[in-house]
Amino acid sequence: MARPVAPGRAVPFMDDEPVRIPITDVFDLHSVPPRDVKAVVEEYLVEARAAGFKALRIVHGRGIGVQREIVRAVLARCDFVADFRDAPGEAGGWGATIVTLR
């Protein structure tokens, strides 16, 4: 079975077939293995910016907060991220992060 890879890229992981992830303003990480979250989010941000998006929603889920912290660490280091915060309740609450790009 193929695993998701960095958005817009066709880079295989191990022997798996690559899966292209469409670039939209919402990115749901539920299908991304935890070990790949950092790299996939980094590439998603680059591709989303190149596509002209200024506002994004990254859905990481509520769980125990591990993926949320990974996502927010990537966002904090990204020089073209202007702001990020919890999504409003109707858009996922603390299970999603709203991102504003410069």
Protein backbone atom coordinates (compact mmCIF):
# COMPACT_ATOMS: atom_id res chain seq x y z
CA MET A 1 0.00 0.00 0.00
CA ALA A 2 1.29 3.46 -0.83
CA ARG A 3 1.99 6.00 1.90
CA PRO A 4 1.52 9.76 1.58
CA VAL A 5 4.60 11.80 0.73
CA ALA A 6 5.41 15.46 0.66
CA PRO A 7 2.62 17.38 -1.09
CA GLY A 8 3.09 17.86 -4.78
CA ARG A 9 6.10 15.54 -4.82
CA ALA A 10 6.47 11.97 -5.99
CA VAL A 11 9.25 10.82 -3.69
CA PRO A 12 8.92 7.17 -2.67
CA PHE A 13 9.49 6.05 0.91
CA MET A 14 11.36 2.76 0.97
CA ASP A 15 9.66 0.39 -1.51
CA ASP A 16 6.27 2.09 -1.39
CA GLU A 17 4.66 3.76 -4.36
CA PRO A 18 4.57 7.57 -4.02
CA VAL A 19 1.24 9.30 -3.50
CA ARG A 20 0.68 12.85 -4.72
CA ILE A 21 -1.22 15.00 -2.27
CA PRO A 22 -3.20 17.84 -3.85
CA ILE A 23 -2.29 21.30 -2.58
CA THR A 24 -5.34 23.04 -1.12
CA ASP A 25 -5.83 25.43 1.77
CA VAL A 26 -6.69 22.49 4.09
CA PHE A 27 -4.22 19.72 4.83
CA ASP A 28 -5.40 16.74 6.90
CA LEU A 29 -2.49 14.87 8.51
CA HIS A 30 -4.54 11.86 9.60
CA SER A 31 -3.18 9.77 6.71
CA VAL A 32 0.45 10.79 7.29
CA PRO A 33 2.57 8.45 9.45
CA PRO A 34 3.91 10.31 12.52
CA ARG A 35 7.52 9.77 11.45
CA ASP A 36 6.83 11.70 8.23
CA VAL A 37 4.82 14.63 9.64
CA LYS A 38 7.71 17.10 9.95
CA ALA A 39 9.01 16.64 6.40
CA VAL A 40 5.55 16.54 4.86
CA VAL A 41 4.40 19.72 6.64
CA GLU A 42 7.60 21.53 5.64
CA GLU A 43 7.07 20.63 1.99
CA TYR A 44 3.33 21.40 2.16
CA LEU A 45 4.09 24.93 3.39
CA VAL A 46 6.52 25.54 0.51
CA GLU A 47 4.04 24.21 -2.06
CA ALA A 48 1.05 26.07 -0.55
CA ARG A 49 3.00 29.33 -0.64
CA ALA A 50 4.05 28.68 -4.25
CA ALA A 51 0.38 28.07 -5.11
CA GLY A 52 -0.46 31.51 -3.71
CA PHE A 53 -2.33 30.54 -0.56
CA LYS A 54 -2.23 33.07 2.28
CA ALA A 55 -4.40 31.23 4.82
CA LEU A 56 -4.19 27.50 5.59
CA ARG A 57 -5.73 25.01 7.99
CA ILE A 58 -3.63 22.05 9.04
CA VAL A 59 -5.68 19.30 10.68
CA HIS A 60 -3.49 17.32 13.07
CA GLY A 61 -6.16 15.86 15.34
CA ARG A 62 -6.64 16.20 19.06
CA GLY A 63 -5.05 13.05 20.50
CA ILE A 64 -2.32 13.73 23.05
CA GLY A 65 -0.89 16.67 21.10
CA VAL A 66 2.26 15.13 19.62
CA GLN A 67 1.44 15.96 15.98
CA ARG A 68 0.18 19.40 17.03
CA GLU A 69 3.55 20.14 18.62
CA ILE A 70 5.46 18.88 15.59
CA VAL A 71 3.35 21.06 13.29
CA ARG A 72 3.78 24.12 15.49
CA ALA A 73 7.54 23.62 15.77
CA VAL A 74 7.76 23.61 11.95
CA LEU A 75 5.56 26.71 11.74
CA ALA A 76 7.62 28.57 14.34
CA ARG A 77 10.82 28.01 12.30
CA CYS A 78 9.31 28.90 8.92
CA ASP A 79 10.29 32.45 7.90
CA PHE A 80 7.25 32.96 5.66
CA VAL A 81 4.68 32.03 8.34
CA ALA A 82 3.26 35.27 9.74
CA ASP A 83 0.99 33.72 12.39
CA PHE A 84 -0.58 30.49 13.59
CA ARG A 85 -3.26 29.66 16.15
CA ASP A 86 -5.90 27.10 17.11
CA ALA A 87 -8.74 26.83 14.65
CA PRO A 88 -12.17 28.02 15.77
CA GLY A 89 -14.37 25.28 17.26
CA GLU A 90 -16.37 24.78 14.07
CA ALA A 91 -13.13 24.28 12.09
CA GLY A 92 -11.51 21.74 14.39
CA GLY A 93 -10.64 23.71 17.53
CA TRP A 94 -7.36 22.59 19.06
CA GLY A 95 -7.34 19.64 16.62
CA ALA A 96 -6.39 22.00 13.79
CA THR A 97 -4.08 24.97 13.33
CA ILE A 98 -4.87 28.05 11.27
CA VAL A 99 -1.79 29.44 9.50
CA THR A 100 -1.30 32.85 7.90
CA LEU A 101 1.49 33.09 5.33
CA ARG A 102 3.37 36.29 4.44
